[in-house]
Protein backbone atom coordinates (compact mmCIF):
# COMPACT_ATOMS: atom_id res chain seq x y z
CA MET A 1 -204.61 -27.35 44.40
CA THR A 2 -204.44 -23.66 43.47
CA ARG A 3 -203.90 -22.22 40.01
CA LYS A 4 -200.44 -21.09 41.14
CA GLU A 5 -199.55 -24.67 42.06
CA LEU A 6 -200.93 -25.92 38.74
CA LYS A 7 -198.85 -23.31 36.94
CA ALA A 8 -195.74 -24.58 38.77
CA LEU A 9 -196.59 -28.16 37.78
CA CYS A 10 -197.20 -27.07 34.21
CA ASP A 11 -193.77 -25.39 34.11
CA LEU A 12 -192.21 -28.52 35.61
CA GLN A 13 -193.93 -30.62 32.97
CA GLU A 14 -192.44 -28.47 30.20
CA ILE A 15 -188.99 -29.28 31.55
CA ASP A 16 -189.85 -32.98 31.85
CA ILE A 17 -191.03 -33.00 28.23
CA GLN A 18 -187.76 -31.41 27.11
CA ILE A 19 -185.78 -33.99 29.07
CA LEU A 20 -187.80 -36.82 27.53
CA ASN A 21 -187.38 -35.39 24.02
CA ALA A 22 -183.61 -35.08 24.51
CA GLN A 23 -183.42 -38.66 25.78
CA ARG A 24 -185.46 -39.93 22.85
CA ALA A 25 -183.31 -37.96 20.41
CA SER A 26 -180.21 -39.50 21.97
CA ALA A 27 -181.67 -43.01 21.71
CA ALA A 28 -182.55 -42.41 18.04
CA LEU A 29 -179.03 -41.29 17.06
CA ASP A 30 -177.28 -43.32 14.38
CA ASN A 31 -174.09 -44.65 15.96
CA GLY A 32 -172.83 -46.06 12.68
CA ALA A 33 -173.82 -49.64 13.52
CA SER A 34 -175.70 -50.17 10.25
CA ALA A 35 -172.79 -48.79 8.21
CA ARG A 36 -170.39 -50.98 10.19
CA THR A 37 -172.52 -54.05 9.49
CA GLU A 38 -172.69 -53.18 5.80
CA ALA A 39 -168.91 -52.67 5.65
CA SER A 40 -168.41 -56.05 7.32
CA ARG A 41 -170.74 -57.69 4.80
CA LEU A 42 -168.89 -56.06 1.91
CA GLU A 43 -165.56 -57.23 3.32
CA THR A 44 -166.84 -60.80 3.44
CA GLU A 45 -167.90 -60.47 -0.18
CA LEU A 46 -164.52 -58.95 -1.02
CA GLN A 47 -162.74 -61.94 0.50
CA ALA A 48 -164.71 -64.32 -1.71
CA LEU A 49 -164.04 -62.17 -4.78
CA ALA A 50 -160.32 -61.93 -3.95
CA ASP A 51 -160.17 -65.71 -3.51
CA LYS A 52 -161.74 -66.14 -6.94
CA LEU A 53 -159.25 -63.66 -8.43
CA ARG A 54 -156.31 -65.56 -6.95
CA ALA A 55 -157.70 -68.83 -8.33
CA LEU A 56 -158.04 -67.28 -11.80
CA GLU A 57 -154.51 -65.85 -11.62
CA THR A 58 -153.15 -69.25 -10.58
CA GLU A 59 -155.00 -70.94 -13.41
CA LEU A 60 -153.69 -68.30 -15.85
CA ARG A 61 -150.10 -68.89 -14.74
CA ASP A 62 -150.55 -72.65 -15.13
CA ARG A 63 -151.96 -72.23 -18.64
CA GLU A 64 -149.14 -69.86 -19.57
CA LEU A 65 -146.56 -72.35 -18.32
CA ASN A 66 -148.27 -75.14 -20.24
CA LEU A 67 -148.34 -72.96 -23.34
CA LYS A 68 -144.65 -72.16 -22.98
CA SER A 69 -143.83 -75.84 -22.52
CA VAL A 70 -145.87 -76.86 -25.59
CA GLU A 71 -144.32 -74.06 -27.65
CA GLU A 72 -140.80 -75.09 -26.66
CA LYS A 73 -141.54 -78.75 -27.40
CA LYS A 74 -143.07 -77.87 -30.77
CA GLN A 75 -140.05 -75.72 -31.70
CA LYS A 76 -137.68 -78.51 -30.68
CA PHE A 77 -139.42 -81.01 -32.98
CA GLU A 78 -139.53 -78.48 -35.81
CA ARG A 79 -135.80 -77.80 -35.51
CA LYS A 80 -135.05 -81.50 -35.70
CA LEU A 81 -137.41 -81.91 -38.61
CA TYR A 82 -136.10 -78.99 -40.66
CA ALA A 83 -132.46 -79.69 -39.81
CA GLY A 84 -132.72 -83.03 -41.54
CA GLU A 85 -131.69 -84.94 -38.44
CA VAL A 86 -134.50 -87.46 -39.00
CA THR A 87 -134.35 -89.54 -42.18
CA SER A 88 -136.60 -92.48 -41.40
CA PRO A 89 -139.99 -92.05 -43.17
CA LYS A 90 -141.80 -93.63 -40.25
CA GLU A 91 -140.05 -91.40 -37.73
CA LEU A 92 -140.69 -88.37 -39.95
CA GLU A 93 -144.40 -89.20 -40.08
CA GLY A 94 -144.52 -89.63 -36.36
CA MET A 95 -142.75 -86.31 -35.79
CA GLU A 96 -145.09 -84.48 -38.14
CA LYS A 97 -148.09 -85.88 -36.30
CA GLU A 98 -146.53 -84.83 -33.00
CA ILE A 99 -146.00 -81.31 -34.32
CA GLU A 100 -149.62 -81.17 -35.51
CA MET A 101 -150.86 -82.33 -32.12
CA LEU A 102 -148.66 -79.76 -30.34
CA ALA A 103 -149.95 -77.06 -32.69
CA ARG A 104 -153.55 -77.95 -31.80
CA ASN A 105 -152.70 -77.93 -28.12
CA LYS A 106 -150.94 -74.60 -28.57
CA ASP A 107 -154.00 -73.08 -30.26
CA LYS A 108 -156.26 -74.43 -27.52
CA LEU A 109 -154.01 -73.12 -24.76
CA GLU A 110 -153.68 -69.70 -26.42
CA THR A 111 -157.47 -69.44 -26.56
CA GLN A 112 -157.69 -70.44 -22.88
CA VAL A 113 -155.00 -67.93 -21.92
CA LEU A 114 -156.80 -65.12 -23.74
CA GLU A 115 -160.10 -66.02 -22.08
CA LEU A 116 -158.42 -66.20 -18.67
CA LEU A 117 -156.75 -62.84 -19.24
CA ASP A 118 -160.18 -61.32 -19.84
CA SER A 119 -161.60 -63.11 -16.79
CA VAL A 120 -158.73 -61.96 -14.58
CA GLN A 121 -159.10 -58.37 -15.74
CA ASP A 122 -162.85 -58.44 -15.19
CA GLN A 123 -162.39 -59.94 -11.73
CA ARG A 124 -159.76 -57.35 -10.83
CA THR A 125 -162.22 -54.62 -11.80
CA ILE A 126 -164.91 -56.18 -9.61
CA VAL A 127 -162.48 -56.47 -6.67
CA GLU A 128 -161.39 -52.84 -7.01
CA GLU A 129 -164.99 -51.66 -7.20
CA LYS A 130 -165.78 -53.62 -4.05
CA ARG A 131 -162.74 -52.15 -2.27
CA SER A 132 -163.86 -48.68 -3.30
CA ARG A 133 -167.35 -49.37 -1.97
CA ILE A 134 -165.88 -50.56 1.33
CA SER A 135 -163.80 -47.38 1.60
CA GLU A 136 -166.92 -45.28 1.01
CA LYS A 137 -168.89 -47.25 3.59
CA ARG A 138 -166.10 -46.98 6.16
CA ALA A 139 -165.87 -43.22 5.57
CA GLU A 140 -169.64 -43.03 6.05
CA MET A 141 -169.35 -45.08 9.24
CA ASP A 142 -166.56 -42.85 10.61
CA ALA A 143 -168.60 -39.72 9.86
CA LYS A 144 -171.66 -41.16 11.59
CA VAL A 145 -169.64 -42.23 14.63
CA GLU A 146 -168.12 -38.76 14.90
CA ASP A 147 -171.53 -37.11 14.57
CA PHE A 148 -172.98 -39.59 17.09
CA ASN A 149 -170.29 -38.75 19.64
CA ILE A 150 -170.80 -35.00 19.20
CA ARG A 151 -174.60 -35.16 19.35
CA SER A 152 -174.54 -37.60 22.28
CA ARG A 153 -172.38 -35.23 24.29
CA GLU A 154 -174.58 -32.27 23.36
CA LEU A 155 -177.77 -34.10 24.35
CA ALA A 156 -176.21 -35.45 27.55
CA ASP A 157 -175.16 -31.91 28.50
CA ARG A 158 -178.67 -30.70 27.67
CA VAL A 159 -180.24 -33.37 29.89
CA ASP A 160 -177.86 -32.41 32.71
CA GLU A 161 -178.85 -28.74 32.37
CA LEU A 162 -182.55 -29.60 32.31
CA THR A 163 -182.19 -31.92 35.29
CA VAL A 164 -180.74 -29.04 37.33
CA ALA A 165 -183.55 -26.77 36.12
CA ARG A 166 -186.10 -29.45 37.02
CA ALA A 167 -184.79 -29.76 40.57
CA HIS A 168 -185.04 -25.99 40.95
CA ALA A 169 -188.58 -25.93 39.50
CA ALA A 170 -189.76 -28.83 41.68
CA LYS A 171 -188.35 -27.45 44.94
CA PRO A 172 -191.23 -25.08 45.83
CA ILE A 173 -193.99 -27.54 44.82
CA ASP A 174 -195.95 -29.23 47.60
CA GLU A 175 -194.83 -32.84 48.08
CA VAL A 176 -198.38 -34.22 47.87
CA ALA A 177 -199.02 -32.31 44.63
CA LEU A 178 -195.70 -33.50 43.25
CA ARG A 179 -196.51 -37.15 44.00
CA LYS A 180 -199.90 -36.78 42.33
CA TYR A 181 -198.23 -35.19 39.31
CA GLU A 182 -195.65 -37.99 39.04
CA SER A 183 -198.35 -40.67 39.36
CA LEU A 184 -200.55 -39.08 36.70
CA ARG A 185 -197.59 -38.51 34.41
CA ALA A 186 -196.61 -42.18 34.61
CA ARG A 187 -200.14 -43.28 33.67
CA ALA A 188 -200.93 -40.62 31.08
CA GLY A 189 -198.06 -40.83 28.62
CA GLY A 190 -195.93 -38.17 30.26
CA ILE A 191 -198.65 -35.49 30.30
CA ALA A 192 -200.19 -34.97 33.75
CA VAL A 193 -201.30 -31.36 33.36
CA ALA A 194 -203.38 -30.34 30.34
CA LYS A 195 -203.78 -26.71 29.39
CA VAL A 196 -207.34 -25.69 28.58
CA GLU A 197 -207.70 -24.15 25.13
CA ASN A 198 -211.04 -22.96 23.73
CA ASP A 199 -212.86 -24.78 26.54
CA ARG A 200 -211.22 -28.06 25.54
CA CYS A 201 -208.70 -30.30 27.26
CA GLY A 202 -205.34 -29.61 25.64
CA ALA A 203 -204.31 -33.26 25.95
CA CYS A 204 -207.31 -35.30 24.77
CA HIS A 205 -209.07 -32.34 23.04
CA VAL A 206 -212.48 -33.26 24.47
CA GLY A 207 -214.82 -30.30 25.09
CA LEU A 208 -215.32 -29.42 28.75
CA MET A 209 -218.68 -28.94 30.40
CA PRO A 210 -219.56 -25.30 31.29
CA TYR A 211 -219.48 -25.99 35.03
CA VAL A 212 -215.94 -27.38 34.65
CA VAL A 213 -214.82 -24.23 32.84
CA ARG A 214 -216.41 -22.07 35.61
CA ALA A 215 -214.64 -24.09 38.28
CA LEU A 216 -211.33 -23.61 36.51
CA LYS A 217 -211.70 -19.85 36.77
CA GLN A 218 -211.93 -20.06 40.57
CA ASP A 219 -208.72 -20.23 42.55
CA ASN A 220 -209.56 -23.38 44.49
CA ASP A 221 -209.27 -27.10 43.84
CA PRO A 222 -209.82 -27.30 40.02
CA PRO A 223 -211.48 -30.36 38.49
CA VAL A 224 -209.73 -32.93 36.34
CA CYS A 225 -210.65 -33.78 32.75
CA GLU A 226 -213.64 -36.13 32.82
CA SER A 227 -212.35 -37.80 29.64
CA CYS A 228 -208.64 -38.45 30.31
CA GLY A 229 -208.32 -37.78 34.05
CA ARG A 230 -205.52 -35.22 33.68
CA LEU A 231 -205.21 -32.12 35.83
CA LEU A 232 -206.64 -29.12 34.02
CA TYR A 233 -204.88 -25.77 33.95
CA LEU A 234 -206.47 -22.63 32.55
CA PRO A 235 -203.76 -20.08 31.67
CA GLU A 236 -204.52 -16.54 32.66
């Protein structure tokens, strides 16, 4: 294999490396899946928080209705008591006790209503914060999806361009040399041809023996790297 053929393979390899890098970049793009998963998790949490809020609101309405009922009942007894409609001492005593009991219930219910009002307000704040977080996460997801689509198209177009360039670069290369290149490339991590730099293999960086360096300067069948087995190319 002549130096000219090695140069052609080296140029082809540069294109192959660019294709591989573009493909890897495409595979590494964030398509918004993580943001979508996070948004879904937050929505599940929101549902539980909203359910709790509805339960608190229902309990608050029940307590308010109970309070209203107790207040109305207490006022009814007080009207009867103060209007002098009840004259029996025993009935008066019973009514006073009833009013006292209703007053205690009213105080208890008022305390419960106030506590529930605070709880409902706190829960509403939590729900709104969660909704805001979901909106932010969905906006993030949409932005990532848009960027993913743009970058995917750009990288796909780049791979198409490079594929055309590769076919053009591979056309004049001898078929036997091309098969050897492809075989080496598959075994050697995508690098079949190593440029020699400072008398070292540019791939594995092992120093080359003097006779190998001399052979590389002759335009005949150059040796391969004794360390990694790659084809060696000495740029002019």
